[in-house]
Structure formats: C-alpha cells, structure tokens
PDB file of N, CA and C in Angstrom:
ATOM      1  N   UNK A   1      -1.591 -16.876  14.316  1.00  0.00           N
ATOM      2  CA  UNK A   1      -0.540 -15.678  14.597  1.00  0.00           C
ATOM      3  C   UNK A   1      -1.111 -14.381  14.791  1.00  0.00           C
ATOM      4  N   UNK A   2      -1.028 -13.718  15.865  1.00  0.00           N
ATOM      5  CA  UNK A   2      -1.487 -12.345  16.179  1.00  0.00           C
ATOM      6  C   UNK A   2      -0.450 -11.315  15.670  1.00  0.00           C
ATOM      7  N   UNK A   3      -0.995 -10.190  15.003  1.00  0.00           N
ATOM      8  CA  UNK A   3      -0.248  -9.209  14.638  1.00  0.00           C
ATOM      9  C   UNK A   3      -0.779  -7.870  15.157  1.00  0.00           C
ATOM     10  N   UNK A   4       0.130  -6.927  15.453  1.00  0.00           N
ATOM     11  CA  UNK A   4      -0.199  -5.720  16.052  1.00  0.00           C
ATOM     12  C   UNK A   4       0.272  -4.649  15.018  1.00  0.00           C
ATOM     13  N   UNK A   5      -0.798  -3.874  14.462  1.00  0.00           N
ATOM     14  CA  UNK A   5      -0.434  -2.867  13.317  1.00  0.00           C
ATOM     15  C   UNK A   5      -0.423  -1.553  13.897  1.00  0.00           C
ATOM     16  N   UNK A   6       0.627  -0.731  13.355  1.00  0.00           N
ATOM     17  CA  UNK A   6       0.844   0.590  13.817  1.00  0.00           C
ATOM     18  C   UNK A   6       1.040   1.415  12.594  1.00  0.00           C
ATOM     19  N   UNK A   7       0.614   2.688  12.562  1.00  0.00           N
ATOM     20  CA  UNK A   7       0.837   3.587  11.444  1.00  0.00           C
ATOM     21  C   UNK A   7       1.769   4.539  11.725  1.00  0.00           C
ATOM     22  N   UNK A   8       2.694   4.909  10.867  1.00  0.00           N
ATOM     23  CA  UNK A   8       3.646   5.971  11.013  1.00  0.00           C
ATOM     24  C   UNK A   8       2.996   7.310  10.986  1.00  0.00           C
ATOM     25  N   UNK A   9       3.234   8.126  11.911  1.00  0.00           N
ATOM     26  CA  UNK A   9       2.779   9.481  11.927  1.00  0.00           C
ATOM     27  C   UNK A   9       3.451  10.469  11.093  1.00  0.00           C
ATOM     28  N   UNK A  10       4.651   9.977  10.646  1.00  0.00           N
ATOM     29  CA  UNK A  10       5.521  10.706   9.878  1.00  0.00           C
ATOM     30  C   UNK A  10       5.356  10.427   8.239  1.00  0.00           C
ATOM     31  N   UNK A  11       5.324   9.116   7.977  1.00  0.00           N
ATOM     32  CA  UNK A  11       5.166   8.621   6.611  1.00  0.00           C
ATOM     33  C   UNK A  11       3.809   8.188   6.115  1.00  0.00           C
ATOM     34  N   UNK A  12       3.135   8.901   5.407  1.00  0.00           N
ATOM     35  CA  UNK A  12       1.724   8.474   4.984  1.00  0.00           C
ATOM     36  C   UNK A  12       1.620   7.156   4.581  1.00  0.00           C
ATOM     37  N   UNK A  13       0.573   6.492   4.827  1.00  0.00           N
ATOM     38  CA  UNK A  13       0.215   5.234   4.338  1.00  0.00           C
ATOM     39  C   UNK A  13       1.339   4.075   4.563  1.00  0.00           C
ATOM     40  N   UNK A  14       2.105   4.291   5.626  1.00  0.00           N
ATOM     41  CA  UNK A  14       3.148   3.412   6.081  1.00  0.00           C
ATOM     42  C   UNK A  14       2.827   2.697   7.230  1.00  0.00           C
ATOM     43  N   UNK A  15       2.861   1.410   7.317  1.00  0.00           N
ATOM     44  CA  UNK A  15       2.419   0.661   8.401  1.00  0.00           C
ATOM     45  C   UNK A  15       3.485  -0.386   8.858  1.00  0.00           C
ATOM     46  N   UNK A  16       3.487  -0.558  10.264  1.00  0.00           N
ATOM     47  CA  UNK A  16       4.378  -1.721  10.810  1.00  0.00           C
ATOM     48  C   UNK A  16       3.415  -2.698  11.344  1.00  0.00           C
ATOM     49  N   UNK A  17       3.803  -4.045  11.058  1.00  0.00           N
ATOM     50  CA  UNK A  17       3.097  -5.042  11.810  1.00  0.00           C
ATOM     51  C   UNK A  17       4.157  -5.677  12.749  1.00  0.00           C
ATOM     52  N   UNK A  18       3.821  -5.941  13.941  1.00  0.00           N
ATOM     53  CA  UNK A  18       4.711  -6.427  14.995  1.00  0.00           C
ATOM     54  C   UNK A  18       4.118  -7.667  15.475  1.00  0.00           C
ATOM     55  N   UNK A  19       5.036  -8.610  15.845  1.00  0.00           N
ATOM     56  CA  UNK A  19       4.594  -9.931  16.405  1.00  0.00           C
ATOM     57  C   UNK A  19       4.166  -9.698  17.891  1.00  0.00           C
ATOM     58  N   UNK A  20       4.689  -8.757  18.617  1.00  0.00           N
ATOM     59  CA  UNK A  20       4.205  -8.483  19.960  1.00  0.00           C
ATOM     60  C   UNK A  20       3.914  -7.058  20.068  1.00  0.00           C
ATOM     61  N   UNK A  21       2.945  -6.814  20.869  1.00  0.00           N
ATOM     62  CA  UNK A  21       2.276  -5.502  20.876  1.00  0.00           C
ATOM     63  C   UNK A  21       3.392  -4.558  21.548  1.00  0.00           C
ATOM     64  N   UNK A  22       3.566  -3.292  20.882  1.00  0.00           N
ATOM     65  CA  UNK A  22       4.542  -2.288  21.560  1.00  0.00           C
ATOM     66  C   UNK A  22       5.932  -2.739  21.775  1.00  0.00           C
ATOM     67  N   UNK A  23       6.357  -3.792  20.836  1.00  0.00           N
ATOM     68  CA  UNK A  23       7.798  -4.348  20.880  1.00  0.00           C
ATOM     69  C   UNK A  23       8.493  -3.576  19.743  1.00  0.00           C
ATOM     70  N   UNK A  24       8.648  -2.373  20.021  1.00  0.00           N
ATOM     71  CA  UNK A  24       9.400  -1.464  19.046  1.00  0.00           C
ATOM     72  C   UNK A  24      11.029  -1.702  19.037  1.00  0.00           C
ATOM     73  N   UNK A  25      11.419  -2.425  20.025  1.00  0.00           N
ATOM     74  CA  UNK A  25      12.882  -2.850  20.016  1.00  0.00           C
ATOM     75  C   UNK A  25      13.146  -3.604  18.821  1.00  0.00           C
ATOM     76  N   UNK A  26      12.257  -4.373  18.327  1.00  0.00           N
ATOM     77  CA  UNK A  26      12.398  -5.258  17.100  1.00  0.00           C
ATOM     78  C   UNK A  26      12.854  -4.395  15.936  1.00  0.00           C
ATOM     79  N   UNK A  27      12.434  -3.240  15.830  1.00  0.00           N
ATOM     80  CA  UNK A  27      12.624  -2.402  14.638  1.00  0.00           C
ATOM     81  C   UNK A  27      14.180  -1.975  14.574  1.00  0.00           C
ATOM     82  N   UNK A  28      14.902  -1.868  13.495  1.00  0.00           N
ATOM     83  CA  UNK A  28      16.139  -1.370  13.423  1.00  0.00           C
ATOM     84  C   UNK A  28      16.024   0.192  13.722  1.00  0.00           C
ATOM     85  N   UNK A  29      17.206   0.663  14.430  1.00  0.00           N
ATOM     86  CA  UNK A  29      17.210   2.212  14.558  1.00  0.00           C
ATOM     87  C   UNK A  29      16.873   2.922  13.452  1.00  0.00           C
ATOM     88  N   UNK A  30      17.423   2.709  12.386  1.00  0.00           N
ATOM     89  CA  UNK A  30      17.167   3.467  11.141  1.00  0.00           C
ATOM     90  C   UNK A  30      15.803   3.426  10.613  1.00  0.00           C
ATOM     91  N   UNK A  31      15.051   2.341  10.862  1.00  0.00           N
ATOM     92  CA  UNK A  31      13.658   2.208  10.339  1.00  0.00           C
ATOM     93  C   UNK A  31      12.683   3.101  11.473  1.00  0.00           C
ATOM     94  N   UNK A  32      13.172   2.991  12.784  1.00  0.00           N
ATOM     95  CA  UNK A  32      12.297   3.743  13.723  1.00  0.00           C
ATOM     96  C   UNK A  32      12.576   5.286  13.573  1.00  0.00           C
ATOM     97  N   UNK A  33      13.763   5.671  13.015  1.00  0.00           N
ATOM     98  CA  UNK A  33      13.991   7.076  13.092  1.00  0.00           C
ATOM     99  C   UNK A  33      13.326   7.629  11.725  1.00  0.00           C
ATOM    100  N   UNK A  34      13.166   6.868  10.668  1.00  0.00           N
ATOM    101  CA  UNK A  34      12.368   7.243   9.458  1.00  0.00           C
ATOM    102  C   UNK A  34      10.981   7.230   9.501  1.00  0.00           C
ATOM    103  N   UNK A  35      10.402   6.422  10.466  1.00  0.00           N
ATOM    104  CA  UNK A  35       8.894   6.345  10.632  1.00  0.00           C
ATOM    105  C   UNK A  35       8.594   7.350  11.651  1.00  0.00           C
ATOM    106  N   UNK A  36       9.365   7.782  12.516  1.00  0.00           N
ATOM    107  CA  UNK A  36       8.888   8.640  13.655  1.00  0.00           C
ATOM    108  C   UNK A  36       7.924   7.971  14.599  1.00  0.00           C
ATOM    109  N   UNK A  37       7.028   8.697  15.116  1.00  0.00           N
ATOM    110  CA  UNK A  37       6.051   7.965  16.073  1.00  0.00           C
ATOM    111  C   UNK A  37       5.191   6.966  15.370  1.00  0.00           C
ATOM    112  N   UNK A  38       4.786   6.192  16.162  1.00  0.00           N
ATOM    113  CA  UNK A  38       3.826   5.022  15.591  1.00  0.00           C
ATOM    114  C   UNK A  38       2.450   5.062  16.391  1.00  0.00           C
ATOM    115  N   UNK A  39       1.481   4.964  15.834  1.00  0.00           N
ATOM    116  CA  UNK A  39       0.159   4.993  16.465  1.00  0.00           C
ATOM    117  C   UNK A  39      -0.490   3.502  16.267  1.00  0.00           C
ATOM    118  N   UNK A  40      -0.867   2.937  17.389  1.00  0.00           N
ATOM    119  CA  UNK A  40      -1.685   1.616  17.268  1.00  0.00           C
ATOM    120  C   UNK A  40      -2.902   1.750  16.497  1.00  0.00           C
ATOM    121  N   UNK A  41      -3.120   0.852  15.554  1.00  0.00           N
ATOM    122  CA  UNK A  41      -4.458   0.987  14.852  1.00  0.00           C
ATOM    123  C   UNK A  41      -5.257  -0.393  14.918  1.00  0.00           C
ATOM    124  N   UNK A  42      -4.604  -1.492  14.919  1.00  0.00           N
ATOM    125  CA  UNK A  42      -5.341  -2.885  14.775  1.00  0.00           C
ATOM    126  C   UNK A  42      -4.581  -3.986  15.375  1.00  0.00           C
ATOM    127  N   UNK A  43      -5.215  -4.872  15.933  1.00  0.00           N
ATOM    128  CA  UNK A  43      -4.673  -6.265  16.392  1.00  0.00           C
ATOM    129  C   UNK A  43      -5.561  -7.212  15.649  1.00  0.00           C
ATOM    130  N   UNK A  44      -4.873  -8.067  14.937  1.00  0.00           N
ATOM    131  CA  UNK A  44      -5.596  -9.057  13.945  1.00  0.00           C
ATOM    132  C   UNK A  44      -4.854 -10.502  14.040  1.00  0.00           C
ATOM    133  N   UNK A  45      -5.797 -11.423  13.748  1.00  0.00           N
ATOM    134  CA  UNK A  45      -5.193 -12.726  13.631  1.00  0.00           C
ATOM    135  C   UNK A  45      -4.795 -13.074  12.213  1.00  0.00           C
ATOM    136  N   UNK A  46      -3.454 -13.317  12.047  1.00  0.00           N
ATOM    137  CA  UNK A  46      -3.173 -13.534  10.666  1.00  0.00           C
ATOM    138  C   UNK A  46      -3.163 -15.222  10.407  1.00  0.00           C
ATOM    139  N   UNK A  47      -4.470 -15.509  10.008  1.00  0.00           N
ATOM    140  CA  UNK A  47      -4.465 -17.112   9.680  1.00  0.00           C
ATOM    141  C   UNK A  47      -4.065 -17.324   8.276  1.00  0.00           C
ATOM    142  N   UNK A  48      -3.961 -18.475   7.850  1.00  0.00           N
ATOM    143  CA  UNK A  48      -3.764 -18.762   6.362  1.00  0.00           C
ATOM    144  C   UNK A  48      -4.964 -18.245   5.451  1.00  0.00           C
ATOM    145  N   UNK A  49      -6.132 -18.234   6.002  1.00  0.00           N
ATOM    146  CA  UNK A  49      -7.230 -17.833   5.197  1.00  0.00           C
ATOM    147  C   UNK A  49      -7.286 -16.302   5.157  1.00  0.00           C
ATOM    148  N   UNK A  50      -6.610 -15.634   6.092  1.00  0.00           N
ATOM    149  CA  UNK A  50      -6.783 -14.189   6.174  1.00  0.00           C
ATOM    150  C   UNK A  50      -6.343 -13.480   4.874  1.00  0.00           C
ATOM    151  N   UNK A  51      -7.080 -12.482   4.432  1.00  0.00           N
ATOM    152  CA  UNK A  51      -6.748 -11.650   3.389  1.00  0.00           C
ATOM    153  C   UNK A  51      -6.438 -10.291   3.912  1.00  0.00           C
ATOM    154  N   UNK A  52      -5.495  -9.676   3.428  1.00  0.00           N
ATOM    155  CA  UNK A  52      -5.121  -8.245   3.608  1.00  0.00           C
ATOM    156  C   UNK A  52      -5.176  -7.380   2.519  1.00  0.00           C
ATOM    157  N   UNK A  53      -5.523  -6.201   2.586  1.00  0.00           N
ATOM    158  CA  UNK A  53      -5.846  -5.306   1.553  1.00  0.00           C
ATOM    159  C   UNK A  53      -4.605  -4.987   0.785  1.00  0.00           C
ATOM    160  N   UNK A  54      -3.549  -4.637   1.132  1.00  0.00           N
ATOM    161  CA  UNK A  54      -2.462  -4.338   0.396  1.00  0.00           C
ATOM    162  C   UNK A  54      -1.213  -5.100   0.714  1.00  0.00           C
ATOM    163  N   UNK A  55      -1.200  -6.202   1.320  1.00  0.00           N
ATOM    164  CA  UNK A  55      -0.073  -7.058   1.608  1.00  0.00           C
ATOM    165  C   UNK A  55      -0.441  -8.691   1.433  1.00  0.00           C
ATOM    166  N   UNK A  56       0.361  -9.483   1.311  1.00  0.00           N
ATOM    167  CA  UNK A  56       0.225 -10.874   1.218  1.00  0.00           C
ATOM    168  C   UNK A  56       0.329 -11.379   2.636  1.00  0.00           C
ATOM    169  N   UNK A  57      -0.771 -11.851   3.142  1.00  0.00           N
ATOM    170  CA  UNK A  57      -0.711 -12.306   4.665  1.00  0.00           C
ATOM    171  C   UNK A  57       0.338 -13.474   4.729  1.00  0.00           C
ATOM    172  N   UNK A  58       0.703 -14.225   3.891  1.00  0.00           N
ATOM    173  CA  UNK A  58       1.828 -15.203   4.144  1.00  0.00           C
ATOM    174  C   UNK A  58       3.202 -14.586   4.286  1.00  0.00           C
ATOM    175  N   UNK A  59       3.401 -13.643   3.386  1.00  0.00           N
ATOM    176  CA  UNK A  59       4.693 -12.720   3.494  1.00  0.00           C
ATOM    177  C   UNK A  59       4.588 -12.066   4.777  1.00  0.00           C
ATOM    178  N   UNK A  60       3.632 -11.500   5.373  1.00  0.00           N
ATOM    179  CA  UNK A  60       3.635 -10.773   6.633  1.00  0.00           C
ATOM    180  C   UNK A  60       3.905 -11.803   7.714  1.00  0.00           C
ATOM    181  N   UNK A  61       3.199 -12.884   7.602  1.00  0.00           N
ATOM    182  CA  UNK A  61       3.449 -13.972   8.646  1.00  0.00           C
ATOM    183  C   UNK A  61       5.007 -14.349   8.637  1.00  0.00           C
ATOM    184  N   UNK A  62       5.556 -14.682   7.519  1.00  0.00           N
ATOM    185  CA  UNK A  62       6.791 -15.068   7.470  1.00  0.00           C
ATOM    186  C   UNK A  62       7.778 -13.926   8.069  1.00  0.00           C
ATOM    187  N   UNK A  63       7.602 -12.602   7.649  1.00  0.00           N
ATOM    188  CA  UNK A  63       8.467 -11.594   8.137  1.00  0.00           C
ATOM    189  C   UNK A  63       8.308 -11.411   9.759  1.00  0.00           C
ATOM    190  N   UNK A  64       7.004 -11.779  10.293  1.00  0.00           N
ATOM    191  CA  UNK A  64       6.735 -11.675  11.699  1.00  0.00           C
ATOM    192  C   UNK A  64       7.645 -12.881  12.444  1.00  0.00           C
ATOM    193  N   UNK A  65       7.574 -14.064  11.789  1.00  0.00           N
ATOM    194  CA  UNK A  65       8.182 -15.225  12.241  1.00  0.00           C
ATOM    195  C   UNK A  65       9.707 -14.948  12.308  1.00  0.00           C
ATOM    196  N   UNK A  66      10.180 -14.550  11.159  1.00  0.00           N
ATOM    197  CA  UNK A  66      11.666 -14.469  10.986  1.00  0.00           C
ATOM    198  C   UNK A  66      12.234 -13.166  11.724  1.00  0.00           C
ATOM    199  N   UNK A  67      11.622 -12.032  11.606  1.00  0.00           N
ATOM    200  CA  UNK A  67      12.201 -10.713  12.043  1.00  0.00           C
ATOM    201  C   UNK A  67      11.452 -10.211  13.230  1.00  0.00           C
ATOM    202  N   UNK A  68      10.129 -10.572  13.535  1.00  0.00           N
ATOM    203  CA  UNK A  68       9.359  -9.910  14.455  1.00  0.00           C
ATOM    204  C   UNK A  68       8.613  -8.797  13.986  1.00  0.00           C
ATOM    205  N   UNK A  69       8.844  -8.237  12.722  1.00  0.00           N
ATOM    206  CA  UNK A  69       8.073  -7.059  12.055  1.00  0.00           C
ATOM    207  C   UNK A  69       7.979  -7.156  10.697  1.00  0.00           C
ATOM    208  N   UNK A  70       6.985  -6.428  10.092  1.00  0.00           N
ATOM    209  CA  UNK A  70       6.836  -6.330   8.695  1.00  0.00           C
ATOM    210  C   UNK A  70       6.530  -4.949   8.323  1.00  0.00           C
ATOM    211  N   UNK A  71       7.074  -4.330   7.288  1.00  0.00           N
ATOM    212  CA  UNK A  71       6.786  -2.995   6.978  1.00  0.00           C
ATOM    213  C   UNK A  71       5.846  -2.969   5.748  1.00  0.00           C
ATOM    214  N   UNK A  72       4.928  -2.245   5.769  1.00  0.00           N
ATOM    215  CA  UNK A  72       4.009  -1.941   4.613  1.00  0.00           C
ATOM    216  C   UNK A  72       4.078  -0.603   4.144  1.00  0.00           C
ATOM    217  N   UNK A  73       4.537  -0.543   2.882  1.00  0.00           N
ATOM    218  CA  UNK A  73       4.654   0.930   2.427  1.00  0.00           C
ATOM    219  C   UNK A  73       3.472   1.246   1.490  1.00  0.00           C
ATOM    220  N   UNK A  74       3.395   2.645   1.207  1.00  0.00           N
ATOM    221  CA  UNK A  74       2.276   3.035   0.321  1.00  0.00           C
ATOM    222  C   UNK A  74       2.449   2.361  -1.011  1.00  0.00           C
ATOM    223  N   UNK A  75       1.299   2.365  -1.704  1.00  0.00           N
ATOM    224  CA  UNK A  75       1.569   1.753  -3.086  1.00  0.00           C
ATOM    225  C   UNK A  75       2.252   2.647  -4.039  1.00  0.00           C
ATOM    226  N   UNK A  76       2.942   2.139  -4.959  1.00  0.00           N
ATOM    227  CA  UNK A  76       3.785   3.047  -5.930  1.00  0.00           C
ATOM    228  C   UNK A  76       2.677   4.017  -6.574  1.00  0.00           C
ATOM    229  N   UNK A  77       3.153   5.072  -7.025  1.00  0.00           N
ATOM    230  CA  UNK A  77       2.465   6.036  -7.724  1.00  0.00           C
ATOM    231  C   UNK A  77       1.576   5.538  -9.109  1.00  0.00           C
ATOM    232  N   UNK A  78       2.285   4.615  -9.653  1.00  0.00           N
ATOM    233  CA  UNK A  78       1.601   4.058 -10.816  1.00  0.00           C
ATOM    234  C   UNK A  78       0.400   3.310 -10.435  1.00  0.00           C
ATOM    235  N   UNK A  79       0.639   2.471  -9.311  1.00  0.00           N
ATOM    236  CA  UNK A  79      -0.438   1.551  -8.816  1.00  0.00           C
ATOM    237  C   UNK A  79      -1.463   2.410  -8.298  1.00  0.00           C
ATOM    238  N   UNK A  80      -1.318   3.591  -7.758  1.00  0.00           N
ATOM    239  CA  UNK A  80      -2.333   4.313  -7.127  1.00  0.00           C
ATOM    240  C   UNK A  80      -3.208   5.099  -8.115  1.00  0.00           C
ATOM    241  N   UNK A  81      -2.654   5.223  -9.332  1.00  0.00           N
ATOM    242  CA  UNK A  81      -3.471   6.010 -10.451  1.00  0.00           C
ATOM    243  C   UNK A  81      -4.446   5.131 -10.872  1.00  0.00           C
ATOM    244  N   UNK A  82      -5.576   5.729 -11.290  1.00  0.00           N
ATOM    245  CA  UNK A  82      -6.668   5.016 -11.990  1.00  0.00           C
ATOM    246  C   UNK A  82      -6.524   5.174 -13.527  1.00  0.00           C
ATOM    247  N   UNK A  83      -6.885   4.290 -14.406  1.00  0.00           N
ATOM    248  CA  UNK A  83      -6.817   4.372 -15.748  1.00  0.00           C
ATOM    249  C   UNK A  83      -7.674   5.550 -16.273  1.00  0.00           C
ATOM    250  N   UNK A  84      -7.270   6.198 -17.419  1.00  0.00           N
ATOM    251  CA  UNK A  84      -8.044   7.337 -18.044  1.00  0.00           C
ATOM    252  C   UNK A  84      -9.359   6.594 -18.591  1.00  0.00           C
ATOM    253  N   UNK A  85     -10.385   7.250 -18.467  1.00  0.00           N
ATOM    254  CA  UNK A  85     -11.742   6.642 -18.973  1.00  0.00           C
ATOM    255  C   UNK A  85     -11.982   7.169 -20.499  1.00  0.00           C
TER     256      UNK A  85
END
C-alpha cells in the first residue's frame, strides 16, 4: 500500500498520511482547518515489514484502508523528555 505523507505548516510535528496523493477531500473540514496548509514530504510503501519512527505501520495501513487518511501527532511531552542523568 502506498502512503503519501504531508506535514502541517501550522502544527509542529503533525503529519497526515493519505492513501492517494493530494486527496485532501478525505480529511474532515475540522481537521483541515486545524492543520492549515500541508506540505508534501514523502511517498512510501507501507508493507507489513515496514517500520515507522513514531507510528505503528499496521495501524496506519488500517486507517488508510478504512478512512483514506491517518493523523500522526507529536509525542506527548512526557514521551519527549529524556530521563535525568
């Protein structure tokens, strides 16, 4: 399955995966309004073996299959912190 990844220019570290390139009509209006402009960053094949840095590829594939899109939000503040040395 191909995925087309876009970053939000309004929300830092927020990405949208689409099942079809530039098919922004799949996004609900409220989501499009919150994300603002989107910039294309990557086309990738989401195979079962594919690992993603901050998302479960199986979940992304399922969301693309069911909805045509997947949202990836920035990590929670606690996840982003490094433990004290």
